Amino acid sequence: MDNLTHGLLGLAVGALRRPDVAPDAPERASPTDRAVLLASVLAAELPDLDTLLARGDAVTVALHAHRGLSHSLFFAPVVALAATLIARVCFRGARWRPVLLTSLSSVLFAHLLPDLWTGWGTRVLLPFSDARLSLDWTVVVDPWVTLPLVIGAGVAWRKRALWRKAVLVGFACAMAYVGARVAVWGALTRRVAQAYPQAEAVRVFPAPLSFSAWRYVARLPGATLAAGDVTLLGTPLEARQVSAPEEALPEELRDVPTVREALAWARFPVVTVKPVGAGREVHIADLRYHLRGEPTLTFVVRVGPTGTVEDARLERGGSASELLRRWRGEPRPK
């Protein structure tokens, strides 16, 4: 999820703890109350500092450096401890236990879980497993998750006596929306599976700014991928079938670290290799990111004749106007 949503979710996790001083009481909040809220927000934001340490080409940075060890269950206590130490420096006299426990809850439920439920996914099992896991419930930036949290925080700022209730009501609305998406995801997954009984695997993915419209990919026998769209009240509408054999990528290119990272990310990869000068250019698209069957997200890695990476970039399927034209179903200009 985006950082605004992470921070607001952290605030909500902190508000779940019953404060020492009631919000409408005349006396000021206790040091522990204030430290809990600060630490919860910090713990929800700190994992994304790994972007400041990212090194390497564009593909490696996008896929490997971000959502690394700081986003793992193994490292969560370290993040929580760092947030607790900062909060106790700011609010001396705050009790260790409630601040640390709330910070740990914030790392888990305000950062790791929201990243996990997006289509992009995260690697929560590091360093024991490098697998990127994803629940595919929402896109990375979903305004319908964020908006109730923003409204709740705004009301809390204006009406201090009701701050805790406002934050928690916003949190409840956001979680109800996520819960509804989980139910829709399950129903549409079953519908697509029924439409492709011969499929080896079926997956449904969220579409931006839509609750009822989703994308799907089915892996069919013969290394074929079927991509299309499905709505809450409609049947699966196939847009394209793509042949995606594993042998499309030679073994020597598969062993290039940057290419290997992109392949590990792509759950339904469509790979093409083009000669460029003395080297080759590898295009790795994941069909789960498609618009009317055409990939909208492709990693491009140029490999020299000696196997070194000469260039690596991320292509998003064209300009904003081109994507809008494809979304409307308009024909390509000649």
C-alpha atoms as a PDB file:
ATOM      1  CA  MET A   1       0.000   0.000   0.000  1.00  0.00           C
ATOM      2  CA  ASP A   2       0.992   3.648  -0.242  1.00  0.00           C
ATOM      3  CA  ASN A   3       2.647   5.402   2.697  1.00  0.00           C
ATOM      4  CA  LEU A   4      -0.361   7.562   3.564  1.00  0.00           C
ATOM      5  CA  THR A   5      -2.504   4.462   4.029  1.00  0.00           C
ATOM      6  CA  HIS A   6       0.218   2.712   6.033  1.00  0.00           C
ATOM      7  CA  GLY A   7       0.501   5.669   8.413  1.00  0.00           C
ATOM      8  CA  LEU A   8      -3.252   6.034   8.912  1.00  0.00           C
ATOM      9  CA  LEU A   9      -3.601   2.299   9.542  1.00  0.00           C
ATOM     10  CA  GLY A  10      -0.818   2.609  12.120  1.00  0.00           C
ATOM     11  CA  LEU A  11      -2.716   5.426  13.822  1.00  0.00           C
ATOM     12  CA  ALA A  12      -5.811   3.213  13.925  1.00  0.00           C
ATOM     13  CA  VAL A  13      -3.841   0.319  15.441  1.00  0.00           C
ATOM     14  CA  GLY A  14      -2.592   2.697  18.136  1.00  0.00           C
ATOM     15  CA  ALA A  15      -6.146   3.902  18.782  1.00  0.00           C
ATOM     16  CA  LEU A  16      -7.308   0.320  19.394  1.00  0.00           C
ATOM     17  CA  ARG A  17      -5.512   0.402  22.758  1.00  0.00           C
ATOM     18  CA  ARG A  18      -7.689   1.926  25.453  1.00  0.00           C
ATOM     19  CA  PRO A  19      -5.846   5.078  26.578  1.00  0.00           C
ATOM     20  CA  ASP A  20      -4.876   5.790  30.167  1.00  0.00           C
ATOM     21  CA  VAL A  21      -6.670   9.133  29.931  1.00  0.00           C
ATOM     22  CA  ALA A  22     -10.083   9.294  28.269  1.00  0.00           C
ATOM     23  CA  PRO A  23     -10.151  11.453  25.100  1.00  0.00           C
ATOM     24  CA  ASP A  24     -12.752  13.812  26.621  1.00  0.00           C
ATOM     25  CA  ALA A  25     -10.997  14.120  29.985  1.00  0.00           C
ATOM     26  CA  PRO A  26      -9.736  17.587  31.025  1.00  0.00           C
ATOM     27  CA  GLU A  27      -6.202  16.365  31.794  1.00  0.00           C
ATOM     28  CA  ARG A  28      -3.596  15.793  29.088  1.00  0.00           C
ATOM     29  CA  ALA A  29      -2.944  12.365  27.625  1.00  0.00           C
ATOM     30  CA  SER A  30      -0.339  10.337  29.488  1.00  0.00           C
ATOM     31  CA  PRO A  31       3.200   9.922  28.095  1.00  0.00           C
ATOM     32  CA  THR A  32       2.337   6.299  27.337  1.00  0.00           C
ATOM     33  CA  ASP A  33      -0.801   7.284  25.402  1.00  0.00           C
ATOM     34  CA  ARG A  34       1.136   9.707  23.228  1.00  0.00           C
ATOM     35  CA  ALA A  35       4.087   7.363  22.796  1.00  0.00           C
ATOM     36  CA  VAL A  36       1.781   4.552  21.680  1.00  0.00           C
ATOM     37  CA  LEU A  37       0.284   6.667  18.901  1.00  0.00           C
ATOM     38  CA  LEU A  38       3.642   7.977  17.706  1.00  0.00           C
ATOM     39  CA  ALA A  39       5.276   4.543  17.782  1.00  0.00           C
ATOM     40  CA  SER A  40       2.352   2.971  15.928  1.00  0.00           C
ATOM     41  CA  VAL A  41       2.603   5.454  13.064  1.00  0.00           C
ATOM     42  CA  LEU A  42       6.405   5.128  12.946  1.00  0.00           C
ATOM     43  CA  ALA A  43       6.252   1.323  12.967  1.00  0.00           C
ATOM     44  CA  ALA A  44       3.799   1.437  10.058  1.00  0.00           C
ATOM     45  CA  GLU A  45       6.155   3.624   8.011  1.00  0.00           C
ATOM     46  CA  LEU A  46       9.683   2.472   8.885  1.00  0.00           C
ATOM     47  CA  PRO A  47       9.789  -0.678   6.681  1.00  0.00           C
ATOM     48  CA  ASP A  48       9.668   1.472   3.531  1.00  0.00           C
ATOM     49  CA  LEU A  49      12.945   3.154   4.431  1.00  0.00           C
ATOM     50  CA  ASP A  50      14.584   0.297   2.539  1.00  0.00           C
ATOM     51  CA  THR A  51      13.961   2.332  -0.617  1.00  0.00           C
ATOM     52  CA  LEU A  52      16.696   4.728   0.566  1.00  0.00           C
ATOM     53  CA  LEU A  53      19.200   1.860   0.622  1.00  0.00           C
ATOM     54  CA  ALA A  54      18.306   0.465  -2.793  1.00  0.00           C
ATOM     55  CA  ARG A  55      21.215  -0.195  -5.146  1.00  0.00           C
ATOM     56  CA  GLY A  56      21.478  -1.732  -8.612  1.00  0.00           C
ATOM     57  CA  ASP A  57      19.635  -1.395 -11.895  1.00  0.00           C
ATOM     58  CA  ALA A  58      16.014  -0.262 -12.164  1.00  0.00           C
ATOM     59  CA  VAL A  59      14.608  -3.797 -12.265  1.00  0.00           C
ATOM     60  CA  THR A  60      16.577  -5.000  -9.254  1.00  0.00           C
ATOM     61  CA  VAL A  61      15.642  -1.914  -7.239  1.00  0.00           C
ATOM     62  CA  ALA A  62      11.943  -2.287  -8.093  1.00  0.00           C
ATOM     63  CA  LEU A  63      11.750  -5.986  -7.300  1.00  0.00           C
ATOM     64  CA  HIS A  64      14.526  -6.940  -4.915  1.00  0.00           C
ATOM     65  CA  ALA A  65      15.636  -3.986  -2.805  1.00  0.00           C
ATOM     66  CA  HIS A  66      12.154  -2.729  -1.894  1.00  0.00           C
ATOM     67  CA  ARG A  67      10.008  -5.042   0.212  1.00  0.00           C
ATOM     68  CA  GLY A  68      13.112  -6.853   1.346  1.00  0.00           C
ATOM     69  CA  LEU A  69      14.157  -7.919   4.827  1.00  0.00           C
ATOM     70  CA  SER A  70      12.496  -4.924   6.514  1.00  0.00           C
ATOM     71  CA  HIS A  71       9.158  -6.275   5.216  1.00  0.00           C
ATOM     72  CA  SER A  72       9.622  -9.748   6.720  1.00  0.00           C
ATOM     73  CA  LEU A  73       8.042 -11.345   9.775  1.00  0.00           C
ATOM     74  CA  PHE A  74      11.540 -12.172  10.995  1.00  0.00           C
ATOM     75  CA  PHE A  75      12.562  -8.498  11.075  1.00  0.00           C
ATOM     76  CA  ALA A  76       9.276  -7.114  12.445  1.00  0.00           C
ATOM     77  CA  PRO A  77      10.423  -7.077  16.122  1.00  0.00           C
ATOM     78  CA  VAL A  78      13.460  -4.992  15.131  1.00  0.00           C
ATOM     79  CA  VAL A  79      11.246  -2.413  13.395  1.00  0.00           C
ATOM     80  CA  ALA A  80       8.916  -2.354  16.409  1.00  0.00           C
ATOM     81  CA  LEU A  81      11.826  -1.859  18.799  1.00  0.00           C
ATOM     82  CA  ALA A  82      13.191   1.033  16.713  1.00  0.00           C
ATOM     83  CA  ALA A  83       9.796   2.749  16.724  1.00  0.00           C
ATOM     84  CA  THR A  84       9.483   2.197  20.481  1.00  0.00           C
ATOM     85  CA  LEU A  85      12.892   3.707  21.207  1.00  0.00           C
ATOM     86  CA  ILE A  86      12.125   6.814  19.162  1.00  0.00           C
ATOM     87  CA  ALA A  87       8.725   7.263  20.845  1.00  0.00           C
ATOM     88  CA  ARG A  88      10.202   6.892  24.348  1.00  0.00           C
ATOM     89  CA  VAL A  89      12.854   9.489  23.574  1.00  0.00           C
ATOM     90  CA  CYS A  90      10.077  11.901  22.584  1.00  0.00           C
ATOM     91  CA  PHE A  91       7.845  11.031  25.551  1.00  0.00           C
ATOM     92  CA  ARG A  92       9.938  10.192  28.579  1.00  0.00           C
ATOM     93  CA  GLY A  93       8.187   8.148  31.215  1.00  0.00           C
ATOM     94  CA  ALA A  94       6.154   6.101  28.737  1.00  0.00           C
ATOM     95  CA  ARG A  95       5.847   2.449  29.711  1.00  0.00           C
ATOM     96  CA  TRP A  96       7.811  -0.021  27.589  1.00  0.00           C
ATOM     97  CA  ARG A  97       5.334  -2.854  27.294  1.00  0.00           C
ATOM     98  CA  PRO A  98       2.242  -1.137  25.773  1.00  0.00           C
ATOM     99  CA  VAL A  99       4.384   0.894  23.392  1.00  0.00           C
ATOM    100  CA  LEU A 100       6.373  -2.111  22.170  1.00  0.00           C
ATOM    101  CA  LEU A 101       3.355  -4.405  21.809  1.00  0.00           C
ATOM    102  CA  THR A 102       1.371  -1.807  19.915  1.00  0.00           C
ATOM    103  CA  SER A 103       4.369  -1.068  17.684  1.00  0.00           C
ATOM    104  CA  LEU A 104       4.724  -4.752  16.827  1.00  0.00           C
ATOM    105  CA  SER A 105       1.008  -4.975  16.024  1.00  0.00           C
ATOM    106  CA  SER A 106       1.348  -1.932  13.789  1.00  0.00           C
ATOM    107  CA  VAL A 107       4.236  -3.458  11.808  1.00  0.00           C
ATOM    108  CA  LEU A 108       2.250  -6.633  11.251  1.00  0.00           C
ATOM    109  CA  PHE A 109      -1.235  -5.258  10.603  1.00  0.00           C
ATOM    110  CA  ALA A 110      -0.594  -1.750   9.275  1.00  0.00           C
ATOM    111  CA  HIS A 111       2.314  -2.555   6.953  1.00  0.00           C
ATOM    112  CA  LEU A 112       3.048  -6.222   6.259  1.00  0.00           C
ATOM    113  CA  LEU A 113      -0.573  -7.349   5.891  1.00  0.00           C
ATOM    114  CA  PRO A 114      -1.654  -4.427   3.641  1.00  0.00           C
ATOM    115  CA  ASP A 115       1.366  -5.036   1.410  1.00  0.00           C
ATOM    116  CA  LEU A 116       0.478  -8.719   1.342  1.00  0.00           C
ATOM    117  CA  TRP A 117      -3.115  -8.153   0.265  1.00  0.00           C
ATOM    118  CA  THR A 118      -2.107  -6.074  -2.785  1.00  0.00           C
ATOM    119  CA  GLY A 119      -1.549  -7.517  -6.234  1.00  0.00           C
ATOM    120  CA  TRP A 120       2.158  -6.589  -6.145  1.00  0.00           C
ATOM    121  CA  GLY A 121       2.807  -8.740  -3.076  1.00  0.00           C
ATOM    122  CA  THR A 122       5.699  -8.853  -0.639  1.00  0.00           C
ATOM    123  CA  ARG A 123       8.334 -11.260   0.708  1.00  0.00           C
ATOM    124  CA  VAL A 124       7.275 -11.743   4.318  1.00  0.00           C
ATOM    125  CA  LEU A 125       9.191 -15.033   4.752  1.00  0.00           C
ATOM    126  CA  LEU A 126      12.697 -13.612   4.259  1.00  0.00           C
ATOM    127  CA  PRO A 127      15.402 -14.719   4.985  1.00  0.00           C
ATOM    128  CA  PHE A 128      14.032 -18.284   4.995  1.00  0.00           C
ATOM    129  CA  SER A 129      12.239 -17.977   1.652  1.00  0.00           C
ATOM    130  CA  ASP A 130      12.587 -15.496  -1.209  1.00  0.00           C
ATOM    131  CA  ALA A 131       9.051 -16.197  -2.455  1.00  0.00           C
ATOM    132  CA  ARG A 132       6.902 -13.157  -3.221  1.00  0.00           C
ATOM    133  CA  LEU A 133       3.458 -13.743  -1.722  1.00  0.00           C
ATOM    134  CA  SER A 134       0.276 -11.922  -2.676  1.00  0.00           C
ATOM    135  CA  LEU A 135      -3.407 -12.204  -1.795  1.00  0.00           C
ATOM    136  CA  ASP A 136      -4.569 -10.053  -4.774  1.00  0.00           C
ATOM    137  CA  TRP A 137      -7.401  -8.311  -2.919  1.00  0.00           C
ATOM    138  CA  THR A 138      -6.624  -4.672  -3.792  1.00  0.00           C
ATOM    139  CA  VAL A 139      -4.301  -2.630  -5.957  1.00  0.00           C
ATOM    140  CA  VAL A 140      -1.329  -0.883  -4.324  1.00  0.00           C
ATOM    141  CA  VAL A 141      -3.112   2.501  -4.228  1.00  0.00           C
ATOM    142  CA  ASP A 142      -6.796   2.026  -3.470  1.00  0.00           C
ATOM    143  CA  PRO A 143      -8.598   5.276  -2.590  1.00  0.00           C
ATOM    144  CA  TRP A 144     -11.537   3.375  -1.109  1.00  0.00           C
ATOM    145  CA  VAL A 145      -9.240   1.941   1.546  1.00  0.00           C
ATOM    146  CA  THR A 146      -7.602   5.285   2.239  1.00  0.00           C
ATOM    147  CA  LEU A 147     -10.590   7.660   2.114  1.00  0.00           C
ATOM    148  CA  PRO A 148     -12.392   6.428   5.276  1.00  0.00           C
ATOM    149  CA  LEU A 149      -9.102   6.600   7.162  1.00  0.00           C
ATOM    150  CA  VAL A 150      -8.477  10.167   5.961  1.00  0.00           C
ATOM    151  CA  ILE A 151     -11.991  11.257   6.945  1.00  0.00           C
ATOM    152  CA  GLY A 152     -11.627   9.640  10.359  1.00  0.00           C
ATOM    153  CA  ALA A 153      -8.286  11.354  10.955  1.00  0.00           C
ATOM    154  CA  GLY A 154      -9.728  14.701   9.781  1.00  0.00           C
ATOM    155  CA  VAL A 155     -12.664  14.465  12.185  1.00  0.00           C
ATOM    156  CA  ALA A 156     -10.297  13.451  14.972  1.00  0.00           C
ATOM    157  CA  TRP A 157      -8.168  16.544  14.316  1.00  0.00           C
ATOM    158  CA  ARG A 158     -11.153  18.886  14.440  1.00  0.00           C
ATOM    159  CA  LYS A 159     -12.951  17.257  17.379  1.00  0.00           C
ATOM    160  CA  ARG A 160     -10.328  16.154  19.860  1.00  0.00           C
ATOM    161  CA  ALA A 161     -12.876  14.793  22.341  1.00  0.00           C
ATOM    162  CA  LEU A 162     -14.039  12.286  19.706  1.00  0.00           C
ATOM    163  CA  TRP A 163     -10.649  11.527  18.172  1.00  0.00           C
ATOM    164  CA  ARG A 164     -10.500   7.852  19.123  1.00  0.00           C
ATOM    165  CA  LYS A 165     -14.055   7.091  17.992  1.00  0.00           C
ATOM    166  CA  ALA A 166     -13.525   8.939  14.692  1.00  0.00           C
ATOM    167  CA  VAL A 167     -10.295   7.082  13.905  1.00  0.00           C
ATOM    168  CA  LEU A 168     -11.804   3.705  14.757  1.00  0.00           C
ATOM    169  CA  VAL A 169     -14.980   4.313  12.732  1.00  0.00           C
ATOM    170  CA  GLY A 170     -12.837   5.199   9.713  1.00  0.00           C
ATOM    171  CA  PHE A 171     -10.758   2.079  10.325  1.00  0.00           C
ATOM    172  CA  ALA A 172     -13.877  -0.103  10.571  1.00  0.00           C
ATOM    173  CA  CYS A 173     -15.211   1.269   7.267  1.00  0.00           C
ATOM    174  CA  ALA A 174     -11.902   0.650   5.502  1.00  0.00           C
ATOM    175  CA  MET A 175     -11.715  -2.918   6.814  1.00  0.00           C
ATOM    176  CA  ALA A 176     -15.331  -3.571   5.836  1.00  0.00           C
ATOM    177  CA  TYR A 177     -14.440  -2.535   2.294  1.00  0.00           C
ATOM    178  CA  VAL A 178     -11.421  -4.865   2.252  1.00  0.00           C
ATOM    179  CA  GLY A 179     -13.605  -7.667   3.603  1.00  0.00           C
ATOM    180  CA  ALA A 180     -16.116  -7.091   0.808  1.00  0.00           C
ATOM    181  CA  ARG A 181     -13.297  -7.285  -1.741  1.00  0.00           C
ATOM    182  CA  VAL A 182     -12.191 -10.600  -0.261  1.00  0.00           C
ATOM    183  CA  ALA A 183     -15.706 -11.977  -0.734  1.00  0.00           C
ATOM    184  CA  VAL A 184     -15.875 -10.699  -4.339  1.00  0.00           C
ATOM    185  CA  TRP A 185     -12.404 -12.107  -5.079  1.00  0.00           C
ATOM    186  CA  GLY A 186     -13.478 -15.550  -3.858  1.00  0.00           C
ATOM    187  CA  ALA A 187     -16.741 -15.532  -5.832  1.00  0.00           C
ATOM    188  CA  LEU A 188     -15.080 -14.415  -9.073  1.00  0.00           C
ATOM    189  CA  THR A 189     -12.242 -16.914  -8.694  1.00  0.00           C
ATOM    190  CA  ARG A 190     -14.794 -19.735  -8.513  1.00  0.00           C
ATOM    191  CA  ARG A 191     -16.643 -18.326 -11.533  1.00  0.00           C
ATOM    192  CA  VAL A 192     -13.508 -18.188 -13.682  1.00  0.00           C
ATOM    193  CA  ALA A 193     -12.498 -21.682 -12.567  1.00  0.00           C
ATOM    194  CA  GLN A 194     -15.893 -22.983 -13.697  1.00  0.00           C
ATOM    195  CA  ALA A 195     -15.432 -21.294 -17.084  1.00  0.00           C
ATOM    196  CA  TYR A 196     -12.048 -23.029 -17.546  1.00  0.00           C
ATOM    197  CA  PRO A 197     -12.453 -26.532 -16.107  1.00  0.00           C
ATOM    198  CA  GLN A 198      -9.332 -27.685 -17.965  1.00  0.00           C
ATOM    199  CA  ALA A 199      -7.155 -24.926 -16.452  1.00  0.00           C
ATOM    200  CA  GLU A 200      -4.076 -25.878 -14.457  1.00  0.00           C
ATOM    201  CA  ALA A 201      -4.278 -22.628 -12.451  1.00  0.00           C
ATOM    202  CA  VAL A 202      -6.693 -19.704 -12.249  1.00  0.00           C
ATOM    203  CA  ARG A 203      -6.129 -16.327 -10.624  1.00  0.00           C
ATOM    204  CA  VAL A 204      -8.243 -13.185 -10.350  1.00  0.00           C
ATOM    205  CA  PHE A 205      -6.618  -9.766  -9.936  1.00  0.00           C
ATOM    206  CA  PRO A 206      -7.974  -6.348  -8.910  1.00  0.00           C
ATOM    207  CA  ALA A 207      -8.406  -3.619 -11.503  1.00  0.00           C
ATOM    208  CA  PRO A 208      -7.629   0.010 -10.612  1.00  0.00           C
ATOM    209  CA  LEU A 209     -10.493   2.180  -9.302  1.00  0.00           C
ATOM    210  CA  SER A 210     -13.080  -0.567  -9.587  1.00  0.00           C
ATOM    211  CA  PHE A 211     -14.887  -2.744  -7.087  1.00  0.00           C
ATOM    212  CA  SER A 212     -16.817  -5.049  -9.412  1.00  0.00           C
ATOM    213  CA  ALA A 213     -14.469  -5.289 -12.440  1.00  0.00           C
ATOM    214  CA  TRP A 214     -11.486  -7.632 -12.118  1.00  0.00           C
ATOM    215  CA  ARG A 215      -8.900  -9.174 -14.447  1.00  0.00           C
ATOM    216  CA  TYR A 216      -8.172 -12.872 -14.660  1.00  0.00           C
ATOM    217  CA  VAL A 217      -5.562 -15.247 -16.059  1.00  0.00           C
ATOM    218  CA  ALA A 218      -6.006 -18.991 -16.582  1.00  0.00           C
ATOM    219  CA  ARG A 219      -3.081 -21.299 -17.283  1.00  0.00           C
ATOM    220  CA  LEU A 220      -4.238 -23.829 -19.871  1.00  0.00           C
ATOM    221  CA  PRO A 221      -2.597 -27.057 -21.075  1.00  0.00           C
ATOM    222  CA  GLY A 222       0.063 -26.613 -23.728  1.00  0.00           C
ATOM    223  CA  ALA A 223       1.766 -23.596 -22.094  1.00  0.00           C
ATOM    224  CA  THR A 224      -1.140 -21.309 -23.020  1.00  0.00           C
ATOM    225  CA  LEU A 225      -2.391 -18.385 -20.955  1.00  0.00           C
ATOM    226  CA  ALA A 226      -5.940 -17.049 -21.281  1.00  0.00           C
ATOM    227  CA  ALA A 227      -6.447 -13.450 -20.119  1.00  0.00           C
ATOM    228  CA  GLY A 228      -9.671 -11.544 -19.767  1.00  0.00           C
ATOM    229  CA  ASP A 229     -12.029  -9.605 -17.539  1.00  0.00           C
ATOM    230  CA  VAL A 230     -14.818 -10.600 -15.216  1.00  0.00           C
ATOM    231  CA  THR A 231     -17.378  -8.512 -13.359  1.00  0.00           C
ATOM    232  CA  LEU A 232     -19.439  -9.161 -10.275  1.00  0.00           C
ATOM    233  CA  LEU A 233     -22.640  -9.623 -12.277  1.00  0.00           C
ATOM    234  CA  GLY A 234     -21.173 -10.973 -15.529  1.00  0.00           C
ATOM    235  CA  THR A 235     -19.464 -14.001 -16.965  1.00  0.00           C
ATOM    236  CA  PRO A 236     -15.723 -14.162 -17.748  1.00  0.00           C
ATOM    237  CA  LEU A 237     -14.959 -12.375 -21.017  1.00  0.00           C
ATOM    238  CA  GLU A 238     -11.779 -13.666 -22.607  1.00  0.00           C
ATOM    239  CA  ALA A 239      -9.677 -11.058 -24.394  1.00  0.00           C
ATOM    240  CA  ARG A 240      -6.692 -13.071 -25.565  1.00  0.00           C
ATOM    241  CA  GLN A 241      -4.832 -16.359 -25.427  1.00  0.00           C
ATOM    242  CA  VAL A 242      -1.047 -16.265 -25.402  1.00  0.00           C
ATOM    243  CA  SER A 243       1.465 -19.053 -25.934  1.00  0.00           C
ATOM    244  CA  ALA A 244       4.033 -18.824 -23.125  1.00  0.00           C
ATOM    245  CA  PRO A 245       6.444 -21.777 -23.329  1.00  0.00           C
ATOM    246  CA  GLU A 246       9.297 -21.864 -20.822  1.00  0.00           C
ATOM    247  CA  GLU A 247      11.822 -22.613 -23.569  1.00  0.00           C
ATOM    248  CA  ALA A 248      11.205 -19.128 -25.023  1.00  0.00           C
ATOM    249  CA  LEU A 249      13.984 -17.934 -22.723  1.00  0.00           C
ATOM    250  CA  PRO A 250      17.394 -19.575 -23.222  1.00  0.00           C
ATOM    251  CA  GLU A 251      19.062 -20.980 -20.124  1.00  0.00           C
ATOM    252  CA  GLU A 252      22.029 -18.589 -20.289  1.00  0.00           C
ATOM    253  CA  LEU A 253      19.663 -15.613 -20.149  1.00  0.00           C
ATOM    254  CA  ARG A 254      17.589 -17.190 -17.389  1.00  0.00           C
ATOM    255  CA  ASP A 255      20.729 -17.283 -15.205  1.00  0.00           C
ATOM    256  CA  VAL A 256      21.300 -13.501 -15.433  1.00  0.00           C
ATOM    257  CA  PRO A 257      20.447 -12.197 -11.902  1.00  0.00           C
ATOM    258  CA  THR A 258      18.268  -9.310 -13.106  1.00  0.00           C
ATOM    259  CA  VAL A 259      16.339 -11.580 -15.457  1.00  0.00           C
ATOM    260  CA  ARG A 260      15.956 -14.138 -12.674  1.00  0.00           C
ATOM    261  CA  GLU A 261      14.462 -11.462 -10.379  1.00  0.00           C
ATOM    262  CA  ALA A 262      11.911 -10.446 -13.003  1.00  0.00           C
ATOM    263  CA  LEU A 263      10.934 -14.079 -13.616  1.00  0.00           C
ATOM    264  CA  ALA A 264      10.507 -14.665  -9.885  1.00  0.00           C
ATOM    265  CA  TRP A 265       8.116 -11.715  -9.760  1.00  0.00           C
ATOM    266  CA  ALA A 266       6.037 -12.691 -12.810  1.00  0.00           C
ATOM    267  CA  ARG A 267       3.439 -15.298 -11.941  1.00  0.00           C
ATOM    268  CA  PHE A 268       2.105 -15.536 -15.499  1.00  0.00           C
ATOM    269  CA  PRO A 269       5.155 -14.519 -17.547  1.00  0.00           C
ATOM    270  CA  VAL A 270       5.091 -13.759 -21.247  1.00  0.00           C
ATOM    271  CA  VAL A 271       8.708 -13.669 -22.433  1.00  0.00           C
ATOM    272  CA  THR A 272      10.161 -12.454 -25.714  1.00  0.00           C
ATOM    273  CA  VAL A 273      13.817 -12.139 -26.721  1.00  0.00           C
ATOM    274  CA  LYS A 274      14.971  -9.692 -29.390  1.00  0.00           C
ATOM    275  CA  PRO A 275      18.462  -9.255 -30.865  1.00  0.00           C
ATOM    276  CA  VAL A 276      19.884  -5.789 -30.217  1.00  0.00           C
ATOM    277  CA  GLY A 277      23.290  -5.129 -31.715  1.00  0.00           C
ATOM    278  CA  ALA A 278      25.701  -7.768 -30.424  1.00  0.00           C
ATOM    279  CA  GLY A 279      23.459  -8.554 -27.454  1.00  0.00           C
ATOM    280  CA  ARG A 280      19.856  -9.441 -26.730  1.00  0.00           C
ATOM    281  CA  GLU A 281      16.903  -7.702 -25.097  1.00  0.00           C
ATOM    282  CA  VAL A 282      14.658  -9.728 -22.813  1.00  0.00           C
ATOM    283  CA  HIS A 283      11.055  -8.561 -22.349  1.00  0.00           C
ATOM    284  CA  ILE A 284       9.284 -10.101 -19.349  1.00  0.00           C
ATOM    285  CA  ALA A 285       5.622  -9.159 -18.996  1.00  0.00           C
ATOM    286  CA  ASP A 286       3.248 -10.530 -16.395  1.00  0.00           C
ATOM    287  CA  LEU A 287      -0.170 -11.114 -17.929  1.00  0.00           C
ATOM    288  CA  ARG A 288      -1.903 -10.428 -14.603  1.00  0.00           C
ATOM    289  CA  TYR A 289      -1.242  -6.764 -15.455  1.00  0.00           C
ATOM    290  CA  HIS A 290      -3.159  -6.517 -18.708  1.00  0.00           C
ATOM    291  CA  LEU A 291      -5.653  -4.271 -20.435  1.00  0.00           C
ATOM    292  CA  ARG A 292      -7.923  -6.130 -22.825  1.00  0.00           C
ATOM    293  CA  GLY A 293      -5.361  -8.920 -22.977  1.00  0.00           C
ATOM    294  CA  GLU A 294      -2.379  -6.681 -23.735  1.00  0.00           C
ATOM    295  CA  PRO A 295       0.307  -6.469 -20.999  1.00  0.00           C
ATOM    296  CA  THR A 296       0.638  -3.068 -19.330  1.00  0.00           C
ATOM    297  CA  LEU A 297       3.722  -3.801 -17.232  1.00  0.00           C
ATOM    298  CA  THR A 298       6.932  -5.191 -18.730  1.00  0.00           C
ATOM    299  CA  PHE A 299      10.480  -5.454 -17.450  1.00  0.00           C
ATOM    300  CA  VAL A 300      13.044  -4.978 -20.209  1.00  0.00           C
ATOM    301  CA  VAL A 301      16.612  -6.187 -19.650  1.00  0.00           C
ATOM    302  CA  ARG A 302      19.331  -5.691 -22.276  1.00  0.00           C
ATOM    303  CA  VAL A 303      22.050  -8.315 -21.927  1.00  0.00           C
ATOM    304  CA  GLY A 304      25.412  -7.897 -23.648  1.00  0.00           C
ATOM    305  CA  PRO A 305      27.314 -10.659 -25.481  1.00  0.00           C
ATOM    306  CA  THR A 306      29.263 -11.488 -22.301  1.00  0.00           C
ATOM    307  CA  GLY A 307      26.112 -11.868 -20.191  1.00  0.00           C
ATOM    308  CA  THR A 308      26.349  -8.493 -18.422  1.00  0.00           C
ATOM    309  CA  VAL A 309      23.304  -6.261 -17.985  1.00  0.00           C
ATOM    310  CA  GLU A 310      23.725  -3.161 -20.149  1.00  0.00           C
ATOM    311  CA  ASP A 311      20.312  -1.633 -19.430  1.00  0.00           C
ATOM    312  CA  ALA A 312      17.216  -2.468 -17.395  1.00  0.00           C
ATOM    313  CA  ARG A 313      13.938  -0.605 -17.257  1.00  0.00           C
ATOM    314  CA  LEU A 314      10.252  -0.858 -16.530  1.00  0.00           C
ATOM    315  CA  GLU A 315       7.735  -0.162 -19.314  1.00  0.00           C
ATOM    316  CA  ARG A 316       4.138   0.554 -18.375  1.00  0.00           C
ATOM    317  CA  GLY A 317       2.422  -0.188 -21.666  1.00  0.00           C
ATOM    318  CA  GLY A 318       2.705   3.235 -23.281  1.00  0.00           C
ATOM    319  CA  SER A 319       1.799   6.805 -22.426  1.00  0.00           C
ATOM    320  CA  ALA A 320      -1.237   7.782 -20.376  1.00  0.00           C
ATOM    321  CA  SER A 321      -3.151   8.689 -23.554  1.00  0.00           C
ATOM    322  CA  GLU A 322      -2.324   5.322 -25.133  1.00  0.00           C
ATOM    323  CA  LEU A 323      -3.486   3.438 -22.037  1.00  0.00           C
ATOM    324  CA  LEU A 324      -6.700   5.483 -21.979  1.00  0.00           C
ATOM    325  CA  ARG A 325      -7.304   4.660 -25.648  1.00  0.00           C
ATOM    326  CA  ARG A 326      -6.793   0.958 -24.984  1.00  0.00           C
ATOM    327  CA  TRP A 327      -9.091   1.123 -21.947  1.00  0.00           C
ATOM    328  CA  ARG A 328     -11.816   2.624 -24.129  1.00  0.00           C
ATOM    329  CA  GLY A 329     -11.289  -0.113 -26.707  1.00  0.00           C
ATOM    330  CA  GLU A 330     -10.370   2.298 -29.489  1.00  0.00           C
ATOM    331  CA  PRO A 331      -8.396   0.885 -32.449  1.00  0.00           C
ATOM    332  CA  ARG A 332      -4.669   1.519 -32.713  1.00  0.00           C
ATOM    333  CA  PRO A 333      -3.795   4.520 -34.902  1.00  0.00           C
ATOM    334  CA  LYS A 334      -2.278   3.550 -38.249  1.00  0.00           C
END
